[in-house]
Protein backbone atom coordinates (compact mmCIF):
# COMPACT_ATOMS: atom_id res chain seq x y z
CA MET A 1 20.43 4.07 -27.38
CA ALA A 2 20.52 7.71 -28.44
CA PRO A 3 18.83 8.62 -31.74
CA PRO A 4 20.86 10.05 -34.64
CA SER A 5 21.29 13.77 -34.02
CA ASN A 6 20.16 16.57 -36.28
CA PRO A 7 21.83 19.83 -35.17
CA ALA A 8 19.73 21.84 -37.60
CA HIS A 9 16.62 20.98 -35.59
CA PRO A 10 17.25 21.34 -31.85
CA ASN A 11 14.77 20.48 -29.09
CA THR A 12 13.59 24.06 -28.59
CA GLU A 13 9.85 24.54 -28.09
CA LEU A 14 9.01 20.85 -28.42
CA ASP A 15 7.05 19.00 -25.78
CA GLU A 16 8.09 15.58 -24.60
CA THR A 17 5.75 13.66 -26.90
CA ALA A 18 7.08 15.45 -29.99
CA ILE A 19 10.68 14.93 -28.89
CA ILE A 20 10.17 11.19 -28.42
CA ALA A 21 8.35 10.86 -31.74
CA ARG A 22 11.08 12.79 -33.52
CA ASP A 23 13.78 10.65 -31.92
CA LEU A 24 12.02 7.44 -32.98
CA ILE A 25 11.57 8.70 -36.55
CA ARG A 26 15.32 9.20 -36.78
CA PHE A 27 15.85 5.48 -36.38
CA ASP A 28 15.41 4.01 -39.86
CA THR A 29 13.41 0.89 -39.00
CA SER A 30 12.20 0.22 -42.55
CA ASN A 31 10.56 -3.17 -43.00
CA TYR A 32 10.66 -4.31 -46.64
CA GLY A 33 8.79 -7.57 -46.08
CA GLY A 34 9.90 -11.07 -46.94
CA GLY A 35 12.40 -11.07 -44.08
CA ARG A 36 14.22 -7.93 -45.31
CA SER A 37 14.40 -5.19 -42.71
CA ASN A 38 16.77 -2.62 -41.26
CA GLY A 39 15.66 -3.91 -37.87
CA GLU A 40 14.16 -2.25 -34.83
CA LEU A 41 17.03 -2.88 -32.41
CA GLU A 42 18.23 0.69 -31.83
CA ALA A 43 14.66 2.01 -31.52
CA ALA A 44 13.85 -0.82 -29.11
CA GLU A 45 16.90 0.03 -27.00
CA TYR A 46 15.78 3.67 -26.92
CA VAL A 47 12.32 2.63 -25.68
CA GLU A 48 13.86 0.20 -23.19
CA ALA A 49 16.01 2.98 -21.73
CA HIS A 50 13.00 5.30 -21.49
CA LEU A 51 10.93 2.69 -19.64
CA THR A 52 13.82 1.94 -17.31
CA ALA A 53 14.11 5.64 -16.47
CA LEU A 54 10.45 5.51 -15.41
CA GLY A 55 11.30 2.85 -12.84
CA LEU A 56 9.98 -0.12 -14.81
CA ALA A 57 11.72 -3.38 -15.67
CA PRO A 58 11.31 -3.72 -19.46
CA GLN A 59 12.33 -6.87 -21.32
CA LEU A 60 13.89 -6.71 -24.76
CA PHE A 61 13.42 -9.69 -27.08
CA GLU A 62 15.44 -10.29 -30.25
CA PRO A 63 14.18 -13.52 -31.90
CA ALA A 64 16.11 -12.72 -35.09
CA PRO A 65 19.16 -10.50 -35.58
CA ARG A 66 18.16 -6.85 -35.03
CA ARG A 67 14.42 -7.69 -34.92
CA ALA A 68 13.60 -6.41 -31.44
CA SER A 69 10.49 -5.89 -29.32
CA VAL A 70 10.17 -4.40 -25.82
CA VAL A 71 7.57 -5.31 -23.19
CA ALA A 72 7.03 -3.96 -19.65
CA ARG A 73 4.35 -4.51 -17.04
CA VAL A 74 3.03 -1.58 -15.01
CA PRO A 75 1.43 -2.63 -11.70
CA GLY A 76 -2.08 -1.26 -11.18
CA ARG A 77 -3.99 -0.31 -8.05
CA ASN A 78 -6.37 -3.23 -8.45
CA SER A 79 -4.57 -6.33 -9.71
CA ALA A 80 -7.82 -8.27 -9.45
CA LYS A 81 -9.08 -6.47 -12.55
CA PRO A 82 -8.11 -7.84 -15.97
CA ALA A 83 -4.89 -6.37 -17.33
CA LEU A 84 -4.93 -4.06 -20.35
CA VAL A 85 -2.38 -4.31 -23.16
CA VAL A 86 -1.34 -0.99 -24.72
CA HIS A 87 0.88 -1.66 -27.70
CA GLY A 88 2.59 -0.09 -30.67
CA HIS A 89 5.09 -1.14 -33.31
CA LEU A 90 8.56 0.20 -34.05
CA ASP A 91 8.95 -0.77 -37.71
CA VAL A 92 7.80 1.36 -40.64
CA VAL A 93 7.17 0.75 -44.31
CA PRO A 94 10.02 1.88 -46.61
CA ALA A 95 10.32 5.46 -47.79
CA ASP A 96 12.01 6.58 -51.00
CA PRO A 97 13.56 10.03 -50.33
CA ARG A 98 13.02 10.92 -54.00
CA ASN A 99 9.28 10.98 -53.33
CA TRP A 100 9.58 13.23 -50.29
CA SER A 101 10.00 16.97 -49.87
CA VAL A 102 11.95 16.29 -46.64
CA ASP A 103 14.32 13.58 -45.46
CA PRO A 104 11.88 10.88 -44.27
CA PHE A 105 14.20 9.92 -41.42
CA ALA A 106 15.33 13.37 -40.26
CA GLY A 107 12.38 14.10 -37.97
CA GLU A 108 12.07 17.62 -39.35
CA ILE A 109 9.68 20.19 -37.94
CA ARG A 110 8.07 22.18 -40.74
CA ASP A 111 4.97 24.38 -40.71
CA GLY A 112 4.32 23.37 -37.12
CA MET A 113 4.22 19.66 -37.95
CA LEU A 114 6.62 16.78 -37.45
CA TRP A 115 7.52 15.17 -40.78
CA GLY A 116 8.94 11.72 -41.38
CA ARG A 117 8.20 8.08 -41.97
CA GLY A 118 6.32 6.87 -38.92
CA ALA A 119 4.97 10.31 -37.99
CA VAL A 120 1.50 8.75 -38.10
CA ASP A 121 2.10 5.01 -38.49
CA MET A 122 2.94 4.75 -35.70
CA LYS A 123 5.89 6.29 -33.92
CA ASN A 124 3.61 9.15 -32.94
CA MET A 125 1.48 6.84 -30.80
CA ASP A 126 4.58 5.06 -29.48
CA ALA A 127 5.62 8.49 -28.20
CA MET A 128 2.16 9.15 -26.77
CA ILE A 129 2.26 5.87 -24.84
CA LEU A 130 5.66 6.68 -23.34
CA ALA A 131 4.75 10.28 -22.53
CA ALA A 132 1.39 9.37 -20.97
CA LEU A 133 3.01 6.64 -18.92
CA GLY A 134 5.59 9.16 -17.74
CA ASP A 135 2.83 11.57 -16.69
CA ILE A 136 1.09 8.86 -14.64
CA LEU A 137 4.14 7.41 -12.95
CA GLY A 138 5.87 10.77 -12.56
CA SER A 139 2.97 12.03 -10.46
CA GLY A 140 3.24 9.05 -8.13
CA ARG A 141 0.00 7.52 -9.34
CA GLN A 142 -0.78 4.02 -10.58
CA PRO A 143 -3.16 2.95 -13.32
CA GLU A 144 -6.39 1.38 -12.14
CA ARG A 145 -5.34 -2.06 -13.43
CA ASP A 146 -2.13 -3.67 -14.58
CA LEU A 147 -0.89 -2.33 -17.90
CA VAL A 148 1.21 -4.36 -20.31
CA VAL A 149 2.98 -1.89 -22.58
CA ALA A 150 4.53 -3.46 -25.66
CA PHE A 151 6.46 -2.10 -28.62
CA PHE A 152 6.59 -4.75 -31.30
CA ALA A 153 8.80 -5.50 -34.26
CA ASP A 154 7.60 -6.61 -37.69
CA GLU A 155 4.02 -5.31 -37.63
CA GLU A 156 4.30 -4.14 -41.22
CA SER A 157 5.04 -7.66 -42.46
CA GLY A 158 2.81 -9.96 -40.46
CA GLY A 159 4.38 -9.89 -37.00
CA GLY A 160 6.20 -13.20 -37.40
CA VAL A 161 9.20 -11.98 -35.40
CA GLY A 162 7.16 -9.50 -33.39
CA ALA A 163 3.78 -9.88 -31.72
CA GLY A 164 3.21 -13.36 -33.14
CA TRP A 165 6.53 -14.64 -31.86
CA LEU A 166 5.98 -13.18 -28.38
CA VAL A 167 2.49 -14.64 -28.05
CA ASP A 168 3.76 -18.07 -29.12
CA ASN A 169 6.95 -18.08 -27.06
CA HIS A 170 6.21 -15.81 -24.08
CA PRO A 171 2.46 -15.88 -23.40
CA GLU A 172 3.19 -15.19 -19.73
CA LEU A 173 3.88 -11.57 -20.66
CA PHE A 174 0.18 -11.09 -21.33
CA ALA A 175 -1.16 -13.13 -18.41
CA GLY A 176 -4.49 -11.84 -17.14
CA ALA A 177 -5.00 -9.43 -20.04
CA THR A 178 -8.41 -9.43 -21.69
CA GLU A 179 -8.30 -6.29 -23.85
CA ALA A 180 -5.75 -4.46 -25.99
CA ILE A 181 -5.51 -0.92 -27.38
CA SER A 182 -3.32 0.19 -30.27
CA GLU A 183 -3.26 2.54 -33.25
CA VAL A 184 -6.27 3.96 -35.10
CA GLY A 185 -9.43 2.25 -33.81
CA GLY A 186 -11.42 5.39 -34.56
CA TYR A 187 -11.21 9.15 -34.80
CA SER A 188 -13.48 12.15 -34.46
CA ILE A 189 -15.53 13.66 -37.27
CA THR A 190 -17.96 16.57 -37.53
CA VAL A 191 -21.53 15.59 -38.37
CA GLY A 192 -24.22 18.24 -38.52
CA GLY A 193 -22.10 20.63 -36.48
CA ARG A 194 -21.53 18.06 -33.71
CA ARG A 195 -18.49 15.98 -32.89
CA ALA A 196 -18.96 12.27 -33.42
CA TYR A 197 -16.47 9.56 -32.52
CA LEU A 198 -15.96 6.44 -34.60
CA LEU A 199 -15.09 3.07 -33.06
CA GLN A 200 -13.43 0.35 -35.09
CA THR A 201 -15.34 -2.91 -35.22
CA GLY A 202 -13.24 -5.00 -37.61
CA GLU A 203 -10.49 -5.15 -40.20
CA LYS A 204 -10.66 -5.48 -43.97
CA SER A 205 -9.96 -9.09 -44.86
CA LEU A 206 -8.28 -10.57 -47.91
CA LEU A 207 -8.96 -13.26 -50.47
CA TRP A 208 -6.27 -15.59 -51.79
CA VAL A 209 -6.79 -16.48 -55.44
CA ARG A 210 -4.99 -18.97 -57.66
CA LEU A 211 -5.33 -18.31 -61.37
CA VAL A 212 -4.88 -21.19 -63.81
CA ALA A 213 -4.08 -20.95 -67.52
CA ARG A 214 -3.59 -23.58 -70.21
CA GLY A 215 -1.23 -23.08 -73.13
CA THR A 216 0.93 -24.92 -75.62
CA ALA A 217 4.36 -26.10 -74.47
CA ALA A 218 7.17 -25.10 -76.86
CA HIS A 219 10.85 -24.24 -77.05
CA GLY A 220 11.76 -20.71 -76.02
CA SER A 221 13.03 -19.93 -79.52
CA ARG A 222 9.57 -20.35 -81.04
CA LEU A 223 6.84 -17.74 -81.26
CA VAL A 224 3.74 -19.33 -79.77
CA GLY A 225 0.42 -17.53 -79.85
CA ASP A 226 -1.19 -19.95 -77.41
CA ASN A 227 0.82 -18.59 -74.45
CA ALA A 228 -0.35 -19.37 -70.91
CA ILE A 229 1.59 -16.44 -69.42
CA THR A 230 -0.16 -13.98 -71.72
CA LYS A 231 -3.52 -15.41 -70.73
CA LEU A 232 -2.66 -15.11 -67.06
CA ALA A 233 -1.64 -11.48 -67.55
CA GLU A 234 -4.92 -10.78 -69.34
CA ALA A 235 -6.84 -12.45 -66.52
CA VAL A 236 -5.11 -10.32 -63.87
CA ALA A 237 -5.86 -7.18 -65.90
CA THR A 238 -9.50 -8.26 -66.24
CA LEU A 239 -9.77 -8.74 -62.48
CA GLY A 240 -8.20 -5.35 -61.86
CA ARG A 241 -10.73 -3.61 -64.12
CA THR A 242 -13.76 -5.44 -62.76
CA GLU A 243 -16.31 -3.39 -60.82
CA TRP A 244 -17.19 -5.84 -58.05
CA PRO A 245 -20.67 -5.80 -56.51
CA LEU A 246 -20.79 -3.80 -53.28
CA ARG A 247 -22.99 -4.30 -50.27
CA LEU A 248 -23.26 -2.72 -46.85
CA THR A 249 -22.31 -4.93 -43.93
CA GLY A 250 -24.23 -4.94 -40.67
CA THR A 251 -21.69 -2.71 -38.93
CA THR A 252 -21.81 -0.24 -41.83
CA ARG A 253 -25.60 -0.08 -41.71
CA GLU A 254 -25.46 0.56 -37.97
CA LEU A 255 -22.95 3.37 -38.51
CA LEU A 256 -25.12 5.00 -41.17
CA GLY A 257 -28.11 4.73 -38.86
CA LYS A 258 -26.24 6.54 -36.10
CA ILE A 259 -25.11 9.24 -38.54
CA ALA A 260 -28.72 9.70 -39.60
CA GLU A 261 -29.71 9.95 -35.94
CA VAL A 262 -27.15 12.70 -35.31
CA LEU A 263 -28.39 14.54 -38.42
CA GLY A 264 -32.02 14.07 -37.44
CA VAL A 265 -33.00 12.40 -40.71
CA ASP A 266 -34.70 9.15 -41.65
CA PRO A 267 -32.08 6.68 -42.97
CA GLU A 268 -34.79 5.06 -45.11
CA GLN A 269 -35.29 8.36 -46.93
CA VAL A 270 -31.63 9.33 -47.36
CA SER A 271 -29.17 7.39 -49.50
CA PRO A 272 -26.01 5.88 -47.96
CA ASP A 273 -23.87 8.15 -50.12
CA GLU A 274 -25.64 11.27 -48.87
CA LEU A 275 -25.00 10.16 -45.30
CA ALA A 276 -21.37 9.45 -46.14
CA LEU A 277 -20.90 12.89 -47.69
CA ALA A 278 -22.25 14.46 -44.49
CA THR A 279 -19.19 13.14 -42.65
CA GLY A 280 -16.69 14.76 -45.01
CA ARG A 281 -15.52 11.43 -46.43
CA ARG A 282 -11.99 10.93 -47.64
CA ARG A 283 -11.11 11.27 -51.32
CA ASP A 284 -10.08 7.61 -51.51
CA SER A 285 -13.50 6.34 -50.45
CA SER A 286 -15.72 4.44 -52.83
CA ARG A 287 -15.76 6.01 -56.29
CA ARG A 288 -19.26 4.90 -57.10
CA PRO A 289 -22.61 4.80 -55.29
CA CYS A 290 -23.20 2.30 -52.50
CA ALA A 291 -25.79 -0.41 -52.73
CA PRO A 292 -28.90 0.39 -50.68
CA PRO A 293 -28.79 -0.91 -47.10
CA ARG A 294 -31.38 -3.57 -47.83
CA THR A 295 -29.72 -4.95 -50.93
CA ARG A 296 -29.70 -8.74 -51.01
CA PRO A 297 -26.25 -9.94 -49.82
CA SER A 298 -23.78 -10.59 -52.59
CA SER A 299 -21.62 -13.69 -52.85
CA ARG A 300 -18.61 -11.41 -53.23
CA PRO A 301 -16.33 -10.50 -50.30
CA ALA A 302 -17.90 -8.28 -47.65
CA THR A 303 -17.21 -4.59 -47.64
CA SER A 304 -14.80 -2.83 -45.35
CA THR A 305 -15.61 -2.69 -41.64
CA THR A 306 -12.73 -0.51 -40.53
CA SER A 307 -12.88 2.52 -38.29
CA SER A 308 -14.65 4.54 -40.96
CA PRO A 309 -16.96 2.06 -42.68
CA ILE A 310 -19.04 4.77 -44.26
CA THR A 311 -18.82 3.51 -47.79
CA PRO A 312 -17.61 0.07 -48.81
CA ARG A 313 -14.36 -0.12 -50.68
CA ARG A 314 -13.89 -1.90 -53.92
CA SER A 315 -12.34 -5.33 -53.69
CA SER A 316 -8.87 -5.50 -55.20
CA THR A 317 -6.35 -8.03 -56.35
CA SER A 318 -2.69 -7.26 -55.74
CA ALA A 319 0.08 -7.88 -58.20
CA PRO A 320 0.79 -11.56 -58.84
CA SER A 321 3.94 -13.28 -57.79
CA PRO A 322 6.31 -14.42 -60.57
CA ALA A 323 5.09 -17.44 -62.52
CA LYS A 324 6.56 -20.76 -61.48
CA ARG A 325 6.97 -23.69 -63.86
CA ARG A 326 5.42 -26.38 -61.77
CA PRO A 327 2.22 -28.38 -61.82
CA CYS A 328 -0.74 -26.84 -60.14
CA SER A 329 -2.06 -28.54 -57.01
CA PRO A 330 -5.55 -30.08 -56.99
CA ARG A 331 -6.64 -27.18 -54.80
CA CYS A 332 -6.31 -24.69 -57.65
CA ARG A 333 -9.57 -23.03 -58.56
CA ARG A 334 -10.44 -21.53 -61.90
CA SER A 335 -11.42 -17.91 -61.80
CA SER A 336 -14.50 -16.97 -63.82
CA ALA A 337 -12.40 -14.17 -65.29
CA THR A 338 -9.73 -16.56 -66.55
CA ARG A 339 -10.18 -17.60 -70.15
CA SER A 340 -7.52 -20.30 -69.91
CA ARG A 341 -6.80 -23.99 -70.28
CA SER A 342 -3.40 -24.94 -68.81
CA ARG A 343 -2.41 -26.47 -65.49
CA SER A 344 0.55 -24.19 -64.86
CA CYS A 345 -0.39 -21.54 -62.36
CA ILE A 346 0.56 -18.47 -60.40
CA ALA A 347 -0.76 -17.25 -57.07
CA THR A 348 -2.01 -13.76 -56.37
CA SER A 349 -1.67 -12.39 -52.88
CA GLY A 350 -4.22 -10.28 -51.07
CA SER A 351 -1.66 -8.98 -48.61
CA ARG A 352 -1.24 -5.26 -48.14
CA ARG A 353 1.06 -3.30 -50.38
CA ARG A 354 1.87 0.24 -49.31
CA ARG A 355 3.55 3.04 -51.21
CA PRO A 356 5.61 5.82 -49.70
CA ALA A 357 3.86 9.17 -49.77
CA PRO A 358 5.50 12.59 -49.78
CA SER A 359 3.78 13.69 -46.58
CA SER A 360 3.81 13.25 -42.86
CA THR A 361 0.92 10.81 -42.94
CA ARG A 362 2.87 7.62 -42.38
């Protein structure tokens, strides 16, 4: 499957990795969640054709219309060693062109950079996998062990028709594999004039919460002050404004200790925030000071343990789903922030919500 063309931006002066990434960006594989998606089929067919040209025998799976994943196995020199899975995903989160300075699906080169939805998450790495594989196989070499290269559908919405479906229905594809490598996982930073490399040790988890409110039942034509919906809205707003207690997890303390070691300072004499600032932390890191490393553990959710667990992030509650007029199950729990009395309820989801950004960083 050939990507949509863009005559205004020919292939001149682009290396293979950039060309593949640009081609993949031009397939609009937006995944809106809840089963709504443009689908990955054309992008999957493009990848399938590329792998076939390398002499491999890729398999394309389409468990739902247009929701496609591609998997191929690359024989290694030593098949006795455990296989390694190298995987990416072909779907992207939606992009509103009104919020962009370029067409998010044009694959435009501007200021020496490739712009578009998926330029970082993660059609860039999909391209790196294909280009690196081409370098290895094109030179007549083999990897040390078997490689399972996979390009999944539906990563942005839980993987139900992507990785999850393949593991449940075709586990033989991953036979003998003990490790897997994919996007992020760590990146390099400068600490005290030296390069340091972060390794991801976990993922931020979520907390499902059911809020319960009690109000007075009445006809819709009446004005009722004792309104359960209003109370629920106030409770959600209260949760959103709450400054949750923060603590440093074990992996975060270990990271800070290593940063202190690189800097040649005593971590007992330097605050966690000072150590974090020494790494050039991102603007969206914690907006307030960290708890000391030896703070007694809080009963609140643990802090982030992602690839850059320098400062813990504030817990958050995402927007609630629409209220449903049905009795609440016995499993409903009352939130301490809910000043309410009814048994009608709504659920709040801790799942990720992402917003398009007018940059090349997605």
